[in-house]
Amino acid sequence: MKITRVTCCLFVLLLSLVAFAFSTSAPRAHAASGTTFVVRFHGLSAFSNFDNVSPDGCIDTFVSVDGFQNTVNKQTTSEADIFFDQFDSCTGTELFAFGSTSNPNFQIDKKLLSASLSATIPVCCDVFGNTFNLSVNLTWTSTSAIAHENSTFHFHSKGFTENAHFNADFRDANASGTVSDGTTNFTPSPSVFAQTMSAKEVDVFITHL
């Protein structure tokens, strides 16, 4: 299942980016040999991609949205992320934005049969460097039986080492709903790809002095 494996790798990358963004508040272990940073994820998530072209064929809008619940040390936190890219081939202009929120209304069935996300996410940036809000209201409905992936990742260089283990159950799904700036719904058609997932991940980053 090639698409599934790619999605799992993207999910690992997303978690790494989130961990990097919040690294100032994450626990660190200091030693003479360097610094160790450990990221743990144990929870549920839903992921979706939308791709729509305007009736005149000029504007291609790509939207990627995820929501997840992560339980670490018996504390559960939620987050939603969005990536937005709109390219007008007739004028040669592009709008690129991304953002996240730590207080979404994200609900997901533990059997991964369905999920829903409602959130207002501030994103940056438009062509003028401004921040604006996108209102997200999406639902996921599974379309497949549960599949499973268990994988490890290792990377080593002179100054950096990463070791990761990823164990997940997931279902392919359809996602639909609205992603809007208050004027335009950027997801008028169902998702081109979506999944619901239950995952456990441990990612260890080591910097070498």
C-alpha atoms as a PDB file:
ATOM      1  CA  MET A   1       0.000   0.000   0.000  1.00  0.00           C
ATOM      2  CA  LYS A   2       2.280   2.754  -1.277  1.00  0.00           C
ATOM      3  CA  ILE A   3      -0.023   5.679  -0.433  1.00  0.00           C
ATOM      4  CA  THR A   4      -0.420   4.484   3.139  1.00  0.00           C
ATOM      5  CA  ARG A   5       3.313   4.303   3.747  1.00  0.00           C
ATOM      6  CA  VAL A   6       3.850   7.786   2.352  1.00  0.00           C
ATOM      7  CA  THR A   7       1.133   9.146   4.625  1.00  0.00           C
ATOM      8  CA  CYS A   8       2.674   7.556   7.706  1.00  0.00           C
ATOM      9  CA  CYS A   9       6.015   9.110   6.848  1.00  0.00           C
ATOM     10  CA  LEU A  10       4.333  12.506   6.436  1.00  0.00           C
ATOM     11  CA  PHE A  11       2.708  12.035   9.827  1.00  0.00           C
ATOM     12  CA  VAL A  12       6.095  11.367  11.435  1.00  0.00           C
ATOM     13  CA  LEU A  13       7.479  14.483   9.742  1.00  0.00           C
ATOM     14  CA  LEU A  14       4.565  16.556  11.015  1.00  0.00           C
ATOM     15  CA  LEU A  15       5.150  15.411  14.586  1.00  0.00           C
ATOM     16  CA  SER A  16       8.826  16.285  14.276  1.00  0.00           C
ATOM     17  CA  LEU A  17       7.943  19.783  13.083  1.00  0.00           C
ATOM     18  CA  VAL A  18       5.472  20.252  15.929  1.00  0.00           C
ATOM     19  CA  ALA A  19       8.081  19.085  18.412  1.00  0.00           C
ATOM     20  CA  PHE A  20      10.608  21.528  16.985  1.00  0.00           C
ATOM     21  CA  ALA A  21       8.136  24.392  17.250  1.00  0.00           C
ATOM     22  CA  PHE A  22       7.533  23.713  20.945  1.00  0.00           C
ATOM     23  CA  SER A  23      11.094  22.675  21.807  1.00  0.00           C
ATOM     24  CA  THR A  24      11.568  25.536  24.270  1.00  0.00           C
ATOM     25  CA  SER A  25       9.091  23.910  26.694  1.00  0.00           C
ATOM     26  CA  ALA A  26      10.097  20.278  26.114  1.00  0.00           C
ATOM     27  CA  PRO A  27      12.275  18.410  28.637  1.00  0.00           C
ATOM     28  CA  ARG A  28      15.942  18.056  27.793  1.00  0.00           C
ATOM     29  CA  ALA A  29      18.727  15.950  29.215  1.00  0.00           C
ATOM     30  CA  HIS A  30      22.146  17.589  29.243  1.00  0.00           C
ATOM     31  CA  ALA A  31      25.368  15.627  29.189  1.00  0.00           C
ATOM     32  CA  ALA A  32      28.981  16.210  28.321  1.00  0.00           C
ATOM     33  CA  SER A  33      28.460  14.450  25.003  1.00  0.00           C
ATOM     34  CA  GLY A  34      25.552  16.672  23.903  1.00  0.00           C
ATOM     35  CA  THR A  35      21.805  17.159  24.308  1.00  0.00           C
ATOM     36  CA  THR A  36      18.969  14.646  24.058  1.00  0.00           C
ATOM     37  CA  PHE A  37      15.419  15.640  23.132  1.00  0.00           C
ATOM     38  CA  VAL A  38      12.630  13.012  23.308  1.00  0.00           C
ATOM     39  CA  VAL A  39       9.260  13.367  21.552  1.00  0.00           C
ATOM     40  CA  ARG A  40       6.411  11.016  22.437  1.00  0.00           C
ATOM     41  CA  PHE A  41       3.081  10.692  20.678  1.00  0.00           C
ATOM     42  CA  HIS A  42       0.293   8.363  21.780  1.00  0.00           C
ATOM     43  CA  GLY A  43      -3.088   9.224  20.385  1.00  0.00           C
ATOM     44  CA  LEU A  44      -5.602   9.591  17.590  1.00  0.00           C
ATOM     45  CA  SER A  45      -5.523  11.701  14.454  1.00  0.00           C
ATOM     46  CA  ALA A  46      -7.269  12.470  11.187  1.00  0.00           C
ATOM     47  CA  PHE A  47      -5.632  13.793   8.036  1.00  0.00           C
ATOM     48  CA  SER A  48      -7.042  15.081   4.755  1.00  0.00           C
ATOM     49  CA  ASN A  49      -5.982  16.642   1.436  1.00  0.00           C
ATOM     50  CA  PHE A  50      -8.243  18.689  -0.839  1.00  0.00           C
ATOM     51  CA  ASP A  51      -7.435  19.860  -4.361  1.00  0.00           C
ATOM     52  CA  ASN A  52      -9.863  22.007  -6.355  1.00  0.00           C
ATOM     53  CA  VAL A  53      -9.619  23.907  -9.650  1.00  0.00           C
ATOM     54  CA  SER A  54     -11.795  26.933 -10.429  1.00  0.00           C
ATOM     55  CA  PRO A  55     -14.341  26.665 -13.293  1.00  0.00           C
ATOM     56  CA  ASP A  56     -12.172  28.829 -15.569  1.00  0.00           C
ATOM     57  CA  GLY A  57      -9.186  26.541 -14.968  1.00  0.00           C
ATOM     58  CA  CYS A  58      -7.002  29.347 -13.638  1.00  0.00           C
ATOM     59  CA  ILE A  59      -6.931  28.813  -9.871  1.00  0.00           C
ATOM     60  CA  ASP A  60      -5.745  25.578  -8.257  1.00  0.00           C
ATOM     61  CA  THR A  61      -6.366  25.426  -4.493  1.00  0.00           C
ATOM     62  CA  PHE A  62      -4.669  22.784  -2.352  1.00  0.00           C
ATOM     63  CA  VAL A  63      -5.625  22.437   1.336  1.00  0.00           C
ATOM     64  CA  SER A  64      -4.201  19.968   3.851  1.00  0.00           C
ATOM     65  CA  VAL A  65      -5.819  19.676   7.309  1.00  0.00           C
ATOM     66  CA  ASP A  66      -5.131  17.459  10.303  1.00  0.00           C
ATOM     67  CA  GLY A  67      -6.421  17.145  13.837  1.00  0.00           C
ATOM     68  CA  PHE A  68      -5.006  15.019  16.639  1.00  0.00           C
ATOM     69  CA  GLN A  69      -5.217  14.123  20.308  1.00  0.00           C
ATOM     70  CA  ASN A  70      -1.973  13.288  22.079  1.00  0.00           C
ATOM     71  CA  THR A  71      -1.795  11.693  25.554  1.00  0.00           C
ATOM     72  CA  VAL A  72       1.526  11.981  27.396  1.00  0.00           C
ATOM     73  CA  ASN A  73       1.934  11.446  31.163  1.00  0.00           C
ATOM     74  CA  LYS A  74      -1.855  10.958  31.468  1.00  0.00           C
ATOM     75  CA  GLN A  75      -2.510  14.424  30.008  1.00  0.00           C
ATOM     76  CA  THR A  76      -4.340  14.742  26.679  1.00  0.00           C
ATOM     77  CA  THR A  77      -3.826  17.726  24.410  1.00  0.00           C
ATOM     78  CA  SER A  78      -5.424  18.504  21.049  1.00  0.00           C
ATOM     79  CA  GLU A  79      -4.152  20.384  18.030  1.00  0.00           C
ATOM     80  CA  ALA A  80      -5.220  21.137  14.480  1.00  0.00           C
ATOM     81  CA  ASP A  81      -2.951  22.197  11.623  1.00  0.00           C
ATOM     82  CA  ILE A  82      -3.615  23.559   8.160  1.00  0.00           C
ATOM     83  CA  PHE A  83      -1.550  24.106   5.019  1.00  0.00           C
ATOM     84  CA  PHE A  84      -3.064  26.268   2.262  1.00  0.00           C
ATOM     85  CA  ASP A  85      -1.675  26.879  -1.225  1.00  0.00           C
ATOM     86  CA  GLN A  86      -3.568  28.686  -3.989  1.00  0.00           C
ATOM     87  CA  PHE A  87      -1.941  29.262  -7.378  1.00  0.00           C
ATOM     88  CA  ASP A  88      -3.438  31.358 -10.194  1.00  0.00           C
ATOM     89  CA  SER A  89      -1.844  30.160 -13.431  1.00  0.00           C
ATOM     90  CA  CYS A  90      -3.547  32.933 -15.427  1.00  0.00           C
ATOM     91  CA  THR A  91      -1.890  35.734 -13.414  1.00  0.00           C
ATOM     92  CA  GLY A  92       1.133  33.840 -12.102  1.00  0.00           C
ATOM     93  CA  THR A  93       0.316  34.711  -8.475  1.00  0.00           C
ATOM     94  CA  GLU A  94       0.358  32.411  -5.458  1.00  0.00           C
ATOM     95  CA  LEU A  95      -1.037  32.546  -1.913  1.00  0.00           C
ATOM     96  CA  PHE A  96       0.779  30.307   0.554  1.00  0.00           C
ATOM     97  CA  ALA A  97      -0.192  30.025   4.223  1.00  0.00           C
ATOM     98  CA  PHE A  98      -0.040  27.652   7.178  1.00  0.00           C
ATOM     99  CA  GLY A  99      -1.014  27.674  10.840  1.00  0.00           C
ATOM    100  CA  SER A 100      -2.181  25.695  13.862  1.00  0.00           C
ATOM    101  CA  THR A 101      -4.357  25.951  16.950  1.00  0.00           C
ATOM    102  CA  SER A 102      -4.099  24.225  20.316  1.00  0.00           C
ATOM    103  CA  ASN A 103      -7.812  24.464  21.174  1.00  0.00           C
ATOM    104  CA  PRO A 104      -9.786  22.814  18.354  1.00  0.00           C
ATOM    105  CA  ASN A 105     -13.000  20.858  18.784  1.00  0.00           C
ATOM    106  CA  PHE A 106     -11.621  17.566  17.484  1.00  0.00           C
ATOM    107  CA  GLN A 107     -13.590  14.339  18.010  1.00  0.00           C
ATOM    108  CA  ILE A 108     -12.625  10.881  16.755  1.00  0.00           C
ATOM    109  CA  ASP A 109     -14.044   7.408  17.232  1.00  0.00           C
ATOM    110  CA  LYS A 110     -11.546   5.053  18.899  1.00  0.00           C
ATOM    111  CA  LYS A 111     -12.329   2.455  16.216  1.00  0.00           C
ATOM    112  CA  LEU A 112     -11.328   5.093  13.617  1.00  0.00           C
ATOM    113  CA  LEU A 113     -14.712   4.903  11.863  1.00  0.00           C
ATOM    114  CA  SER A 114     -15.357   8.651  11.951  1.00  0.00           C
ATOM    115  CA  ALA A 115     -13.948  11.991  13.076  1.00  0.00           C
ATOM    116  CA  SER A 116     -14.883  15.664  13.094  1.00  0.00           C
ATOM    117  CA  LEU A 117     -12.995  18.934  13.417  1.00  0.00           C
ATOM    118  CA  SER A 118     -14.275  22.430  14.137  1.00  0.00           C
ATOM    119  CA  ALA A 119     -11.747  25.214  14.621  1.00  0.00           C
ATOM    120  CA  THR A 120     -10.706  28.721  13.707  1.00  0.00           C
ATOM    121  CA  ILE A 121      -7.042  28.650  12.724  1.00  0.00           C
ATOM    122  CA  PRO A 122      -4.891  31.772  12.277  1.00  0.00           C
ATOM    123  CA  VAL A 123      -2.595  31.337   9.281  1.00  0.00           C
ATOM    124  CA  CYS A 124       0.322  33.290   7.872  1.00  0.00           C
ATOM    125  CA  CYS A 125       0.912  34.736   5.330  1.00  0.00           C
ATOM    126  CA  ASP A 126      -0.856  36.329   2.370  1.00  0.00           C
ATOM    127  CA  VAL A 127       1.062  38.165  -0.375  1.00  0.00           C
ATOM    128  CA  PHE A 128       1.342  41.179   1.936  1.00  0.00           C
ATOM    129  CA  GLY A 129       2.623  39.199   4.915  1.00  0.00           C
ATOM    130  CA  ASN A 130      -0.646  39.451   6.846  1.00  0.00           C
ATOM    131  CA  THR A 131      -2.148  36.861   9.176  1.00  0.00           C
ATOM    132  CA  PHE A 132      -5.759  35.841   8.539  1.00  0.00           C
ATOM    133  CA  ASN A 133      -8.195  33.264   9.923  1.00  0.00           C
ATOM    134  CA  LEU A 134      -9.518  30.119   8.284  1.00  0.00           C
ATOM    135  CA  SER A 135     -12.666  28.532   9.706  1.00  0.00           C
ATOM    136  CA  VAL A 136     -12.562  24.713   9.510  1.00  0.00           C
ATOM    137  CA  ASN A 137     -15.574  22.389   9.778  1.00  0.00           C
ATOM    138  CA  LEU A 138     -14.769  18.903   8.480  1.00  0.00           C
ATOM    139  CA  THR A 139     -15.965  15.325   8.990  1.00  0.00           C
ATOM    140  CA  TRP A 140     -14.188  12.056   8.172  1.00  0.00           C
ATOM    141  CA  THR A 141     -15.927   8.767   7.325  1.00  0.00           C
ATOM    142  CA  SER A 142     -13.851   5.591   6.996  1.00  0.00           C
ATOM    143  CA  THR A 143     -13.869   3.666   3.718  1.00  0.00           C
ATOM    144  CA  SER A 144     -11.623   0.691   4.521  1.00  0.00           C
ATOM    145  CA  ALA A 145     -10.772  -1.968   7.053  1.00  0.00           C
ATOM    146  CA  ILE A 146      -8.039  -1.237   9.584  1.00  0.00           C
ATOM    147  CA  ALA A 147      -4.474  -1.563   8.298  1.00  0.00           C
ATOM    148  CA  HIS A 148      -1.315  -1.595  10.403  1.00  0.00           C
ATOM    149  CA  GLU A 149       2.225  -0.271  10.107  1.00  0.00           C
ATOM    150  CA  ASN A 150       5.201  -0.811  12.408  1.00  0.00           C
ATOM    151  CA  SER A 151       8.404   0.942  11.371  1.00  0.00           C
ATOM    152  CA  THR A 152      11.686   2.322  12.664  1.00  0.00           C
ATOM    153  CA  PHE A 153      13.866   5.177  11.457  1.00  0.00           C
ATOM    154  CA  HIS A 154      17.524   5.927  12.108  1.00  0.00           C
ATOM    155  CA  PHE A 155      19.626   8.874  10.963  1.00  0.00           C
ATOM    156  CA  HIS A 156      23.171   9.706  12.010  1.00  0.00           C
ATOM    157  CA  SER A 157      25.599  12.464  11.092  1.00  0.00           C
ATOM    158  CA  LYS A 158      28.656  13.961  12.764  1.00  0.00           C
ATOM    159  CA  GLY A 159      26.602  16.359  14.877  1.00  0.00           C
ATOM    160  CA  PHE A 160      23.138  14.798  15.008  1.00  0.00           C
ATOM    161  CA  THR A 161      21.401  11.457  15.577  1.00  0.00           C
ATOM    162  CA  GLU A 162      17.703  10.608  15.331  1.00  0.00           C
ATOM    163  CA  ASN A 163      16.086   7.302  16.309  1.00  0.00           C
ATOM    164  CA  ALA A 164      12.334   6.809  15.906  1.00  0.00           C
ATOM    165  CA  HIS A 165       9.805   4.035  16.282  1.00  0.00           C
ATOM    166  CA  PHE A 166       6.314   4.300  14.786  1.00  0.00           C
ATOM    167  CA  ASN A 167       3.399   1.875  15.410  1.00  0.00           C
ATOM    168  CA  ALA A 168      -0.011   2.697  13.969  1.00  0.00           C
ATOM    169  CA  ASP A 169      -3.450   1.437  12.962  1.00  0.00           C
ATOM    170  CA  PHE A 170      -5.293   3.434  10.318  1.00  0.00           C
ATOM    171  CA  ARG A 171      -8.209   3.510   7.919  1.00  0.00           C
ATOM    172  CA  ASP A 172      -8.597   5.232   4.575  1.00  0.00           C
ATOM    173  CA  ALA A 173     -11.443   7.736   4.690  1.00  0.00           C
ATOM    174  CA  ASN A 174     -13.417  10.414   2.887  1.00  0.00           C
ATOM    175  CA  ALA A 175     -13.364  13.929   4.343  1.00  0.00           C
ATOM    176  CA  SER A 176     -15.800  16.702   3.482  1.00  0.00           C
ATOM    177  CA  GLY A 177     -16.941  20.054   4.801  1.00  0.00           C
ATOM    178  CA  THR A 178     -15.743  23.637   4.675  1.00  0.00           C
ATOM    179  CA  VAL A 179     -12.482  25.528   5.011  1.00  0.00           C
ATOM    180  CA  SER A 180     -13.407  29.184   4.637  1.00  0.00           C
ATOM    181  CA  ASP A 181     -12.043  32.698   5.085  1.00  0.00           C
ATOM    182  CA  GLY A 182     -15.610  33.923   5.662  1.00  0.00           C
ATOM    183  CA  THR A 183     -16.220  34.582   1.977  1.00  0.00           C
ATOM    184  CA  THR A 184     -14.991  31.560   0.023  1.00  0.00           C
ATOM    185  CA  ASN A 185     -15.237  27.839   0.792  1.00  0.00           C
ATOM    186  CA  PHE A 186     -11.907  26.432  -0.359  1.00  0.00           C
ATOM    187  CA  THR A 187     -13.019  22.775  -0.074  1.00  0.00           C
ATOM    188  CA  PRO A 188     -16.229  22.547  -2.143  1.00  0.00           C
ATOM    189  CA  SER A 189     -15.404  18.974  -3.215  1.00  0.00           C
ATOM    190  CA  PRO A 190     -14.627  15.924  -1.048  1.00  0.00           C
ATOM    191  CA  SER A 191     -11.030  15.118  -0.147  1.00  0.00           C
ATOM    192  CA  VAL A 192      -8.662  13.581  -2.675  1.00  0.00           C
ATOM    193  CA  PHE A 193      -7.043  11.672   0.170  1.00  0.00           C
ATOM    194  CA  ALA A 194      -7.861  11.171   3.867  1.00  0.00           C
ATOM    195  CA  GLN A 195      -7.120   8.831   6.754  1.00  0.00           C
ATOM    196  CA  THR A 196      -7.960   8.277  10.416  1.00  0.00           C
ATOM    197  CA  MET A 197      -5.193   6.910  12.613  1.00  0.00           C
ATOM    198  CA  SER A 198      -4.261   5.598  16.046  1.00  0.00           C
ATOM    199  CA  ALA A 199      -0.513   5.828  16.592  1.00  0.00           C
ATOM    200  CA  LYS A 200       2.315   5.460  19.064  1.00  0.00           C
ATOM    201  CA  GLU A 201       5.626   7.139  18.317  1.00  0.00           C
ATOM    202  CA  VAL A 202       8.849   7.758  20.195  1.00  0.00           C
ATOM    203  CA  ASP A 203      11.386  10.026  18.514  1.00  0.00           C
ATOM    204  CA  VAL A 204      14.798  10.637  20.101  1.00  0.00           C
ATOM    205  CA  PHE A 205      16.965  13.524  18.841  1.00  0.00           C
ATOM    206  CA  ILE A 206      20.599  13.709  19.986  1.00  0.00           C
ATOM    207  CA  THR A 207      22.972  16.565  19.213  1.00  0.00           C
ATOM    208  CA  HIS A 208      26.689  15.870  19.540  1.00  0.00           C
ATOM    209  CA  LEU A 209      29.137  18.475  20.790  1.00  0.00           C
END
